[in-house]
Amino acid sequence: MGRMRFVLCLAAVLACGLAAAADDAAPKWPLAVRLMSYGQWQDDAWEHLKSIGVRHVFMQVPAPEEADALMAKLKAHGLDVPVFRGELDLTKADGAAALEPQLAVCEKMGVKYLFLSAKPGETPHEEVVARLRAAGDAAKKHGVTLTLETHPPLGTNGDLQGETMKAVDHPNVRVNFDTANITYYNKGTDALAELKKSLAFVRTVEFKDHTGAFETWDFPVAGKGVVDFQAVTALLRESGYAGPVTIEFEGTKGVELTREQTLQAIADSVAYVRSLGGFD
């Protein structure tokens, strides 16, 4: 009996060790903060991010002539950019051509993802699909993947994200999954349920919280709203997701925060997300 207990204890210890090793071996996701989250205090973001241990930032892609200066500024502050925000006008036939300078900057700076909030307006769906496919071709030449925001009408929820991806059918056109926009733009669902539907196409993720009220601009500090970040993180881990995660803080409509309150909200969001584990 004593020998059996010893064997069982040894097996339990080994199992725990293997589990810990697996956790250590899991890739750490780059944890970025969106520069726009600082609002009117974006100039303070550079030092603040360093002070709270953040090494990645999500920001607008610069004009080609500004890329060198930005690279120097990022280096000086110990930051890099895992994903840029770009612009694509799907109402124009030459939209993909207009992406070229942005994609060239991404390639120069080693940024693999370009986030787009691409809205088609009244453009026929067939033309939208063709233009996105052309944009994907342009992105592929530069080693960049375009990620479409969780916005209507192309990415309102997991179903529409999947439909758009299947229609475009391009490996360089994928989804940016915004956890808060699900309950902002949809009723009767949540981030986890919709992520399960479009997970195969997700390449960048934004961790943003929401109070859950439909079309209500109320985006609190991460962990203070209705988004189940623990479940979302677990699902992403199980799926083998290997892209960046960006924290976005947008606050509450009509509530003006001071500089100190804004910086604290971002610091608190970062601390909460880091507590979930597995972030660089």
C-alpha atoms as a PDB file:
ATOM      1  CA  MET A   1       0.000   0.000   0.000  1.00  0.00           C
ATOM      2  CA  GLY A   2       2.861   2.374   0.907  1.00  0.00           C
ATOM      3  CA  ARG A   3       4.563   1.699  -2.415  1.00  0.00           C
ATOM      4  CA  MET A   4       1.312   2.390  -4.271  1.00  0.00           C
ATOM      5  CA  ARG A   5       0.903   5.733  -2.489  1.00  0.00           C
ATOM      6  CA  PHE A   6       4.456   6.639  -3.420  1.00  0.00           C
ATOM      7  CA  VAL A   7       3.853   5.794  -7.081  1.00  0.00           C
ATOM      8  CA  LEU A   8       0.631   7.809  -7.142  1.00  0.00           C
ATOM      9  CA  CYS A   9       2.300  10.810  -5.502  1.00  0.00           C
ATOM     10  CA  LEU A  10       5.208  10.612  -7.932  1.00  0.00           C
ATOM     11  CA  ALA A  11       2.795  10.486 -10.871  1.00  0.00           C
ATOM     12  CA  ALA A  12       0.958  13.543  -9.550  1.00  0.00           C
ATOM     13  CA  VAL A  13       4.213  15.475  -9.156  1.00  0.00           C
ATOM     14  CA  LEU A  14       5.300  14.567 -12.679  1.00  0.00           C
ATOM     15  CA  ALA A  15       1.915  15.577 -14.080  1.00  0.00           C
ATOM     16  CA  CYS A  16       2.128  18.962 -12.372  1.00  0.00           C
ATOM     17  CA  GLY A  17       5.652  19.410 -13.682  1.00  0.00           C
ATOM     18  CA  LEU A  18       4.610  18.595 -17.223  1.00  0.00           C
ATOM     19  CA  ALA A  19       1.657  20.992 -16.999  1.00  0.00           C
ATOM     20  CA  ALA A  20       3.915  23.773 -15.740  1.00  0.00           C
ATOM     21  CA  ALA A  21       6.409  23.066 -18.514  1.00  0.00           C
ATOM     22  CA  ALA A  22       3.608  23.223 -21.071  1.00  0.00           C
ATOM     23  CA  ASP A  23       2.514  26.591 -19.679  1.00  0.00           C
ATOM     24  CA  ASP A  24       6.089  27.888 -19.859  1.00  0.00           C
ATOM     25  CA  ALA A  25       6.431  26.611 -23.422  1.00  0.00           C
ATOM     26  CA  ALA A  26       3.245  28.322 -24.602  1.00  0.00           C
ATOM     27  CA  PRO A  27       4.091  31.397 -26.686  1.00  0.00           C
ATOM     28  CA  LYS A  28       3.632  34.696 -24.882  1.00  0.00           C
ATOM     29  CA  TRP A  29       1.387  37.116 -26.728  1.00  0.00           C
ATOM     30  CA  PRO A  30       2.676  40.640 -27.331  1.00  0.00           C
ATOM     31  CA  LEU A  31       0.543  42.853 -25.071  1.00  0.00           C
ATOM     32  CA  ALA A  32       0.075  46.275 -26.640  1.00  0.00           C
ATOM     33  CA  VAL A  33      -1.872  49.363 -25.644  1.00  0.00           C
ATOM     34  CA  ARG A  34      -3.657  51.472 -28.213  1.00  0.00           C
ATOM     35  CA  LEU A  35      -2.118  54.941 -28.287  1.00  0.00           C
ATOM     36  CA  MET A  36      -5.541  56.519 -28.889  1.00  0.00           C
ATOM     37  CA  SER A  37      -6.645  55.215 -25.484  1.00  0.00           C
ATOM     38  CA  TYR A  38      -4.716  58.115 -23.972  1.00  0.00           C
ATOM     39  CA  GLY A  39      -6.968  60.646 -25.692  1.00  0.00           C
ATOM     40  CA  GLN A  40      -5.537  64.150 -25.356  1.00  0.00           C
ATOM     41  CA  TRP A  41      -2.604  62.817 -23.325  1.00  0.00           C
ATOM     42  CA  GLN A  42      -0.980  60.746 -26.037  1.00  0.00           C
ATOM     43  CA  ASP A  43       2.313  62.596 -25.570  1.00  0.00           C
ATOM     44  CA  ASP A  44       2.432  61.179 -22.041  1.00  0.00           C
ATOM     45  CA  ALA A  45       1.856  57.636 -23.269  1.00  0.00           C
ATOM     46  CA  TRP A  46       5.456  56.994 -24.226  1.00  0.00           C
ATOM     47  CA  GLU A  47       6.890  57.302 -20.732  1.00  0.00           C
ATOM     48  CA  HIS A  48       3.778  55.921 -19.068  1.00  0.00           C
ATOM     49  CA  LEU A  49       3.848  52.689 -21.065  1.00  0.00           C
ATOM     50  CA  LYS A  50       7.448  52.146 -20.047  1.00  0.00           C
ATOM     51  CA  SER A  51       6.609  52.823 -16.396  1.00  0.00           C
ATOM     52  CA  ILE A  52       3.918  50.107 -16.364  1.00  0.00           C
ATOM     53  CA  GLY A  53       6.061  47.557 -18.163  1.00  0.00           C
ATOM     54  CA  VAL A  54       4.399  47.674 -21.589  1.00  0.00           C
ATOM     55  CA  ARG A  55       6.743  47.104 -24.524  1.00  0.00           C
ATOM     56  CA  HIS A  56       4.286  47.190 -27.430  1.00  0.00           C
ATOM     57  CA  VAL A  57       2.031  49.920 -28.808  1.00  0.00           C
ATOM     58  CA  PHE A  58      -0.782  49.967 -31.376  1.00  0.00           C
ATOM     59  CA  MET A  59      -0.951  53.159 -33.403  1.00  0.00           C
ATOM     60  CA  GLN A  60      -1.671  54.717 -36.780  1.00  0.00           C
ATOM     61  CA  VAL A  61       0.709  53.731 -39.553  1.00  0.00           C
ATOM     62  CA  PRO A  62       2.917  56.749 -40.316  1.00  0.00           C
ATOM     63  CA  ALA A  63       3.451  58.370 -43.688  1.00  0.00           C
ATOM     64  CA  PRO A  64       6.524  56.936 -45.444  1.00  0.00           C
ATOM     65  CA  GLU A  65       8.553  60.088 -44.810  1.00  0.00           C
ATOM     66  CA  GLU A  66       7.830  59.841 -41.070  1.00  0.00           C
ATOM     67  CA  ALA A  67       8.770  56.184 -40.633  1.00  0.00           C
ATOM     68  CA  ASP A  68      12.438  56.717 -39.740  1.00  0.00           C
ATOM     69  CA  ALA A  69      11.611  59.264 -37.044  1.00  0.00           C
ATOM     70  CA  LEU A  70       9.000  56.953 -35.560  1.00  0.00           C
ATOM     71  CA  MET A  71      11.414  54.034 -35.550  1.00  0.00           C
ATOM     72  CA  ALA A  72      13.917  56.143 -33.625  1.00  0.00           C
ATOM     73  CA  LYS A  73      11.259  57.271 -31.134  1.00  0.00           C
ATOM     74  CA  LEU A  74      10.063  53.721 -30.552  1.00  0.00           C
ATOM     75  CA  LYS A  75      13.618  52.525 -29.970  1.00  0.00           C
ATOM     76  CA  ALA A  76      14.293  55.350 -27.524  1.00  0.00           C
ATOM     77  CA  HIS A  77      11.281  54.312 -25.454  1.00  0.00           C
ATOM     78  CA  GLY A  78      11.842  50.560 -25.654  1.00  0.00           C
ATOM     79  CA  LEU A  79       8.688  49.988 -27.690  1.00  0.00           C
ATOM     80  CA  ASP A  80       7.714  48.184 -30.855  1.00  0.00           C
ATOM     81  CA  VAL A  81       4.554  47.962 -32.950  1.00  0.00           C
ATOM     82  CA  PRO A  82       3.000  44.510 -33.461  1.00  0.00           C
ATOM     83  CA  VAL A  83       0.070  45.932 -35.444  1.00  0.00           C
ATOM     84  CA  PHE A  84      -0.558  49.256 -37.170  1.00  0.00           C
ATOM     85  CA  ARG A  85      -3.895  50.883 -37.864  1.00  0.00           C
ATOM     86  CA  GLY A  86      -4.341  51.643 -41.572  1.00  0.00           C
ATOM     87  CA  GLU A  87      -6.926  53.127 -43.906  1.00  0.00           C
ATOM     88  CA  LEU A  88      -8.763  51.419 -46.773  1.00  0.00           C
ATOM     89  CA  ASP A  89     -11.590  53.111 -48.658  1.00  0.00           C
ATOM     90  CA  LEU A  90     -13.755  50.325 -50.044  1.00  0.00           C
ATOM     91  CA  THR A  91     -15.961  52.815 -51.879  1.00  0.00           C
ATOM     92  CA  LYS A  92     -13.099  53.508 -54.296  1.00  0.00           C
ATOM     93  CA  ALA A  93     -11.949  51.140 -56.995  1.00  0.00           C
ATOM     94  CA  ASP A  94      -8.289  52.060 -56.394  1.00  0.00           C
ATOM     95  CA  GLY A  95      -8.432  51.426 -52.657  1.00  0.00           C
ATOM     96  CA  ALA A  96      -5.869  48.632 -52.798  1.00  0.00           C
ATOM     97  CA  ALA A  97      -3.398  50.883 -54.604  1.00  0.00           C
ATOM     98  CA  ALA A  98      -3.791  53.489 -51.862  1.00  0.00           C
ATOM     99  CA  LEU A  99      -2.756  50.821 -49.351  1.00  0.00           C
ATOM    100  CA  GLU A 100       0.659  50.374 -50.952  1.00  0.00           C
ATOM    101  CA  PRO A 101       2.508  53.143 -49.041  1.00  0.00           C
ATOM    102  CA  GLN A 102       1.062  51.886 -45.751  1.00  0.00           C
ATOM    103  CA  LEU A 103       2.079  48.321 -46.519  1.00  0.00           C
ATOM    104  CA  ALA A 104       5.572  49.436 -47.513  1.00  0.00           C
ATOM    105  CA  VAL A 105       5.974  51.122 -44.118  1.00  0.00           C
ATOM    106  CA  CYS A 106       4.782  47.954 -42.382  1.00  0.00           C
ATOM    107  CA  GLU A 107       7.367  45.917 -44.247  1.00  0.00           C
ATOM    108  CA  LYS A 108      10.133  48.421 -43.505  1.00  0.00           C
ATOM    109  CA  MET A 109       9.326  48.421 -39.794  1.00  0.00           C
ATOM    110  CA  GLY A 110       8.751  44.676 -39.528  1.00  0.00           C
ATOM    111  CA  VAL A 111       5.056  45.005 -38.666  1.00  0.00           C
ATOM    112  CA  LYS A 112       3.121  41.933 -39.770  1.00  0.00           C
ATOM    113  CA  TYR A 113      -0.462  43.136 -39.227  1.00  0.00           C
ATOM    114  CA  LEU A 114      -2.419  46.117 -40.529  1.00  0.00           C
ATOM    115  CA  PHE A 115      -5.745  46.735 -38.778  1.00  0.00           C
ATOM    116  CA  LEU A 116      -8.523  48.200 -40.929  1.00  0.00           C
ATOM    117  CA  SER A 117     -11.961  49.559 -40.122  1.00  0.00           C
ATOM    118  CA  ALA A 118     -13.039  49.211 -43.739  1.00  0.00           C
ATOM    119  CA  LYS A 119     -16.589  50.330 -44.465  1.00  0.00           C
ATOM    120  CA  PRO A 120     -18.126  49.747 -47.900  1.00  0.00           C
ATOM    121  CA  GLY A 121     -20.880  52.344 -47.865  1.00  0.00           C
ATOM    122  CA  GLU A 122     -23.286  51.620 -50.715  1.00  0.00           C
ATOM    123  CA  THR A 123     -20.734  49.663 -52.743  1.00  0.00           C
ATOM    124  CA  PRO A 124     -22.174  46.390 -54.115  1.00  0.00           C
ATOM    125  CA  HIS A 125     -21.069  43.369 -52.114  1.00  0.00           C
ATOM    126  CA  GLU A 126     -19.380  41.710 -55.085  1.00  0.00           C
ATOM    127  CA  GLU A 127     -17.187  44.776 -55.595  1.00  0.00           C
ATOM    128  CA  VAL A 128     -16.366  44.947 -51.900  1.00  0.00           C
ATOM    129  CA  VAL A 129     -15.218  41.334 -51.953  1.00  0.00           C
ATOM    130  CA  ALA A 130     -13.107  41.927 -55.058  1.00  0.00           C
ATOM    131  CA  ARG A 131     -11.505  45.025 -53.527  1.00  0.00           C
ATOM    132  CA  LEU A 132     -10.689  43.213 -50.311  1.00  0.00           C
ATOM    133  CA  ARG A 133      -9.159  40.394 -52.311  1.00  0.00           C
ATOM    134  CA  ALA A 134      -7.051  42.903 -54.240  1.00  0.00           C
ATOM    135  CA  ALA A 135      -6.010  44.466 -50.939  1.00  0.00           C
ATOM    136  CA  GLY A 136      -5.001  41.007 -49.748  1.00  0.00           C
ATOM    137  CA  ASP A 137      -2.844  40.546 -52.843  1.00  0.00           C
ATOM    138  CA  ALA A 138      -1.109  43.854 -52.125  1.00  0.00           C
ATOM    139  CA  ALA A 139      -0.586  42.901 -48.486  1.00  0.00           C
ATOM    140  CA  LYS A 140       0.858  39.520 -49.405  1.00  0.00           C
ATOM    141  CA  LYS A 141       3.608  41.170 -51.459  1.00  0.00           C
ATOM    142  CA  HIS A 142       4.771  42.967 -48.320  1.00  0.00           C
ATOM    143  CA  GLY A 143       4.387  40.044 -45.913  1.00  0.00           C
ATOM    144  CA  VAL A 144       1.472  41.717 -44.129  1.00  0.00           C
ATOM    145  CA  THR A 145      -1.917  40.385 -43.031  1.00  0.00           C
ATOM    146  CA  LEU A 146      -4.882  42.770 -43.045  1.00  0.00           C
ATOM    147  CA  THR A 147      -7.260  42.375 -40.103  1.00  0.00           C
ATOM    148  CA  LEU A 148     -10.794  43.743 -40.367  1.00  0.00           C
ATOM    149  CA  GLU A 149     -12.304  45.323 -37.270  1.00  0.00           C
ATOM    150  CA  THR A 150     -15.408  44.047 -35.484  1.00  0.00           C
ATOM    151  CA  HIS A 151     -17.590  46.690 -37.123  1.00  0.00           C
ATOM    152  CA  PRO A 152     -20.736  46.526 -39.251  1.00  0.00           C
ATOM    153  CA  PRO A 153     -21.475  45.526 -41.890  1.00  0.00           C
ATOM    154  CA  LEU A 154     -18.530  43.211 -42.644  1.00  0.00           C
ATOM    155  CA  GLY A 155     -17.623  42.142 -39.120  1.00  0.00           C
ATOM    156  CA  THR A 156     -20.531  42.915 -36.803  1.00  0.00           C
ATOM    157  CA  ASN A 157     -20.382  39.488 -35.152  1.00  0.00           C
ATOM    158  CA  GLY A 158     -18.860  36.052 -35.571  1.00  0.00           C
ATOM    159  CA  ASP A 159     -21.336  34.960 -38.233  1.00  0.00           C
ATOM    160  CA  LEU A 160     -20.704  37.988 -40.444  1.00  0.00           C
ATOM    161  CA  GLN A 161     -16.966  37.785 -39.899  1.00  0.00           C
ATOM    162  CA  GLY A 162     -17.017  34.195 -41.086  1.00  0.00           C
ATOM    163  CA  GLU A 163     -19.185  35.045 -44.082  1.00  0.00           C
ATOM    164  CA  THR A 164     -16.876  37.882 -45.111  1.00  0.00           C
ATOM    165  CA  MET A 165     -13.770  35.748 -44.756  1.00  0.00           C
ATOM    166  CA  LYS A 166     -15.236  32.908 -46.786  1.00  0.00           C
ATOM    167  CA  ALA A 167     -16.360  35.286 -49.522  1.00  0.00           C
ATOM    168  CA  VAL A 168     -12.994  37.041 -49.778  1.00  0.00           C
ATOM    169  CA  ASP A 169     -11.112  33.764 -49.399  1.00  0.00           C
ATOM    170  CA  HIS A 170      -7.661  35.318 -49.056  1.00  0.00           C
ATOM    171  CA  PRO A 171      -5.038  34.231 -46.498  1.00  0.00           C
ATOM    172  CA  ASN A 172      -3.877  37.827 -46.027  1.00  0.00           C
ATOM    173  CA  VAL A 173      -7.337  39.161 -45.166  1.00  0.00           C
ATOM    174  CA  ARG A 174      -8.396  38.139 -41.703  1.00  0.00           C
ATOM    175  CA  VAL A 175     -10.285  39.291 -38.584  1.00  0.00           C
ATOM    176  CA  ASN A 176      -9.468  41.673 -35.761  1.00  0.00           C
ATOM    177  CA  PHE A 177     -11.671  40.494 -32.898  1.00  0.00           C
ATOM    178  CA  ASP A 178     -12.776  43.293 -30.563  1.00  0.00           C
ATOM    179  CA  THR A 179     -14.266  41.817 -27.389  1.00  0.00           C
ATOM    180  CA  ALA A 180     -16.365  44.876 -26.479  1.00  0.00           C
ATOM    181  CA  ASN A 181     -17.808  45.629 -29.895  1.00  0.00           C
ATOM    182  CA  ILE A 182     -19.802  42.406 -29.816  1.00  0.00           C
ATOM    183  CA  THR A 183     -22.186  43.601 -27.099  1.00  0.00           C
ATOM    184  CA  TYR A 184     -22.074  47.171 -28.407  1.00  0.00           C
ATOM    185  CA  TYR A 185     -23.325  46.174 -31.875  1.00  0.00           C
ATOM    186  CA  ASN A 186     -25.363  43.062 -31.020  1.00  0.00           C
ATOM    187  CA  LYS A 187     -28.112  41.917 -28.675  1.00  0.00           C
ATOM    188  CA  GLY A 188     -28.444  38.499 -27.061  1.00  0.00           C
ATOM    189  CA  THR A 189     -24.862  37.320 -27.430  1.00  0.00           C
ATOM    190  CA  ASP A 190     -21.397  37.864 -25.996  1.00  0.00           C
ATOM    191  CA  ALA A 191     -17.744  37.964 -26.965  1.00  0.00           C
ATOM    192  CA  LEU A 192     -17.041  34.320 -26.171  1.00  0.00           C
ATOM    193  CA  ALA A 193     -19.981  33.004 -28.200  1.00  0.00           C
ATOM    194  CA  GLU A 194     -19.046  35.074 -31.253  1.00  0.00           C
ATOM    195  CA  LEU A 195     -15.328  34.364 -30.995  1.00  0.00           C
ATOM    196  CA  LYS A 196     -16.070  30.654 -31.243  1.00  0.00           C
ATOM    197  CA  LYS A 197     -17.707  31.278 -34.632  1.00  0.00           C
ATOM    198  CA  SER A 198     -14.887  33.255 -36.257  1.00  0.00           C
ATOM    199  CA  LEU A 199     -11.898  31.941 -34.310  1.00  0.00           C
ATOM    200  CA  ALA A 200     -10.312  30.248 -37.316  1.00  0.00           C
ATOM    201  CA  PHE A 201      -9.981  33.634 -39.030  1.00  0.00           C
ATOM    202  CA  VAL A 202      -8.815  35.756 -36.075  1.00  0.00           C
ATOM    203  CA  ARG A 203      -5.265  37.093 -36.344  1.00  0.00           C
ATOM    204  CA  THR A 204      -5.331  40.146 -34.052  1.00  0.00           C
ATOM    205  CA  VAL A 205      -7.362  40.727 -30.894  1.00  0.00           C
ATOM    206  CA  GLU A 206      -8.401  43.784 -28.928  1.00  0.00           C
ATOM    207  CA  PHE A 207      -9.180  43.371 -25.239  1.00  0.00           C
ATOM    208  CA  LYS A 208     -11.752  46.057 -24.482  1.00  0.00           C
ATOM    209  CA  ASP A 209     -14.484  45.840 -21.862  1.00  0.00           C
ATOM    210  CA  HIS A 210     -18.125  46.949 -22.104  1.00  0.00           C
ATOM    211  CA  THR A 211     -21.077  47.254 -19.753  1.00  0.00           C
ATOM    212  CA  GLY A 212     -23.202  45.186 -22.144  1.00  0.00           C
ATOM    213  CA  ALA A 213     -25.838  47.789 -23.012  1.00  0.00           C
ATOM    214  CA  PHE A 214     -26.648  47.743 -26.740  1.00  0.00           C
ATOM    215  CA  GLU A 215     -25.168  50.713 -28.639  1.00  0.00           C
ATOM    216  CA  THR A 216     -24.200  52.377 -25.368  1.00  0.00           C
ATOM    217  CA  TRP A 217     -20.757  54.008 -25.293  1.00  0.00           C
ATOM    218  CA  ASP A 218     -19.625  52.694 -21.938  1.00  0.00           C
ATOM    219  CA  PHE A 219     -16.257  50.952 -22.073  1.00  0.00           C
ATOM    220  CA  PRO A 220     -14.780  50.632 -18.563  1.00  0.00           C
ATOM    221  CA  VAL A 221     -11.417  49.454 -17.314  1.00  0.00           C
ATOM    222  CA  ALA A 222     -10.728  45.868 -18.386  1.00  0.00           C
ATOM    223  CA  GLY A 223     -12.245  43.464 -15.884  1.00  0.00           C
ATOM    224  CA  LYS A 224     -14.966  45.879 -14.755  1.00  0.00           C
ATOM    225  CA  GLY A 225     -17.542  45.089 -17.458  1.00  0.00           C
ATOM    226  CA  VAL A 226     -19.316  42.037 -18.846  1.00  0.00           C
ATOM    227  CA  VAL A 227     -16.578  40.561 -21.042  1.00  0.00           C
ATOM    228  CA  ASP A 228     -15.406  37.186 -19.731  1.00  0.00           C
ATOM    229  CA  PHE A 229     -11.719  37.710 -20.426  1.00  0.00           C
ATOM    230  CA  GLN A 230     -10.691  34.528 -18.641  1.00  0.00           C
ATOM    231  CA  ALA A 231     -12.851  32.422 -20.941  1.00  0.00           C
ATOM    232  CA  VAL A 232     -11.787  34.387 -24.025  1.00  0.00           C
ATOM    233  CA  THR A 233      -8.127  33.974 -23.108  1.00  0.00           C
ATOM    234  CA  ALA A 234      -8.588  30.248 -22.498  1.00  0.00           C
ATOM    235  CA  LEU A 235     -10.275  29.786 -25.872  1.00  0.00           C
ATOM    236  CA  LEU A 236      -7.521  31.681 -27.669  1.00  0.00           C
ATOM    237  CA  ARG A 237      -4.907  29.555 -25.910  1.00  0.00           C
ATOM    238  CA  GLU A 238      -6.656  26.317 -26.800  1.00  0.00           C
ATOM    239  CA  SER A 239      -6.865  27.378 -30.439  1.00  0.00           C
ATOM    240  CA  GLY A 240      -3.149  28.101 -30.687  1.00  0.00           C
ATOM    241  CA  TYR A 241      -3.671  31.800 -31.333  1.00  0.00           C
ATOM    242  CA  ALA A 242      -0.263  33.417 -31.833  1.00  0.00           C
ATOM    243  CA  GLY A 243      -0.996  37.062 -32.657  1.00  0.00           C
ATOM    244  CA  PRO A 244      -0.860  40.231 -30.579  1.00  0.00           C
ATOM    245  CA  VAL A 245      -3.402  41.372 -28.000  1.00  0.00           C
ATOM    246  CA  THR A 246      -4.104  45.102 -27.750  1.00  0.00           C
ATOM    247  CA  ILE A 247      -5.714  46.746 -24.744  1.00  0.00           C
ATOM    248  CA  GLU A 248      -8.141  49.496 -25.693  1.00  0.00           C
ATOM    249  CA  PHE A 249      -9.773  51.842 -23.184  1.00  0.00           C
ATOM    250  CA  GLU A 250     -12.512  54.173 -24.443  1.00  0.00           C
ATOM    251  CA  GLY A 251     -14.316  55.224 -21.268  1.00  0.00           C
ATOM    252  CA  THR A 252     -17.899  56.440 -20.970  1.00  0.00           C
ATOM    253  CA  LYS A 253     -19.624  58.929 -23.255  1.00  0.00           C
ATOM    254  CA  GLY A 254     -20.063  62.268 -21.517  1.00  0.00           C
ATOM    255  CA  VAL A 255     -17.552  61.511 -18.757  1.00  0.00           C
ATOM    256  CA  GLU A 256     -14.330  63.498 -19.094  1.00  0.00           C
ATOM    257  CA  LEU A 257     -11.386  61.963 -17.276  1.00  0.00           C
ATOM    258  CA  THR A 258      -8.388  63.861 -16.002  1.00  0.00           C
ATOM    259  CA  ARG A 259      -4.876  62.996 -17.114  1.00  0.00           C
ATOM    260  CA  GLU A 260      -4.296  61.080 -13.886  1.00  0.00           C
ATOM    261  CA  GLN A 261      -7.572  59.166 -14.213  1.00  0.00           C
ATOM    262  CA  THR A 262      -6.815  58.230 -17.817  1.00  0.00           C
ATOM    263  CA  LEU A 263      -3.328  56.963 -17.035  1.00  0.00           C
ATOM    264  CA  GLN A 264      -4.647  55.039 -14.036  1.00  0.00           C
ATOM    265  CA  ALA A 265      -7.421  53.425 -16.090  1.00  0.00           C
ATOM    266  CA  ILE A 266      -4.862  52.207 -18.602  1.00  0.00           C
ATOM    267  CA  ALA A 267      -2.508  50.986 -15.875  1.00  0.00           C
ATOM    268  CA  ASP A 268      -5.377  49.128 -14.189  1.00  0.00           C
ATOM    269  CA  SER A 269      -6.420  47.557 -17.495  1.00  0.00           C
ATOM    270  CA  VAL A 270      -2.877  46.380 -18.146  1.00  0.00           C
ATOM    271  CA  ALA A 271      -2.562  44.949 -14.638  1.00  0.00           C
ATOM    272  CA  TYR A 272      -5.823  43.050 -14.989  1.00  0.00           C
ATOM    273  CA  VAL A 273      -4.994  41.579 -18.391  1.00  0.00           C
ATOM    274  CA  ARG A 274      -1.506  40.600 -17.237  1.00  0.00           C
ATOM    275  CA  SER A 275      -3.094  38.747 -14.315  1.00  0.00           C
ATOM    276  CA  LEU A 276      -4.618  36.370 -16.868  1.00  0.00           C
ATOM    277  CA  GLY A 277      -1.093  35.160 -17.680  1.00  0.00           C
ATOM    278  CA  GLY A 278       0.853  34.475 -20.848  1.00  0.00           C
ATOM    279  CA  PHE A 279       1.651  37.997 -22.034  1.00  0.00           C
ATOM    280  CA  ASP A 280       4.928  39.536 -23.117  1.00  0.00           C
END
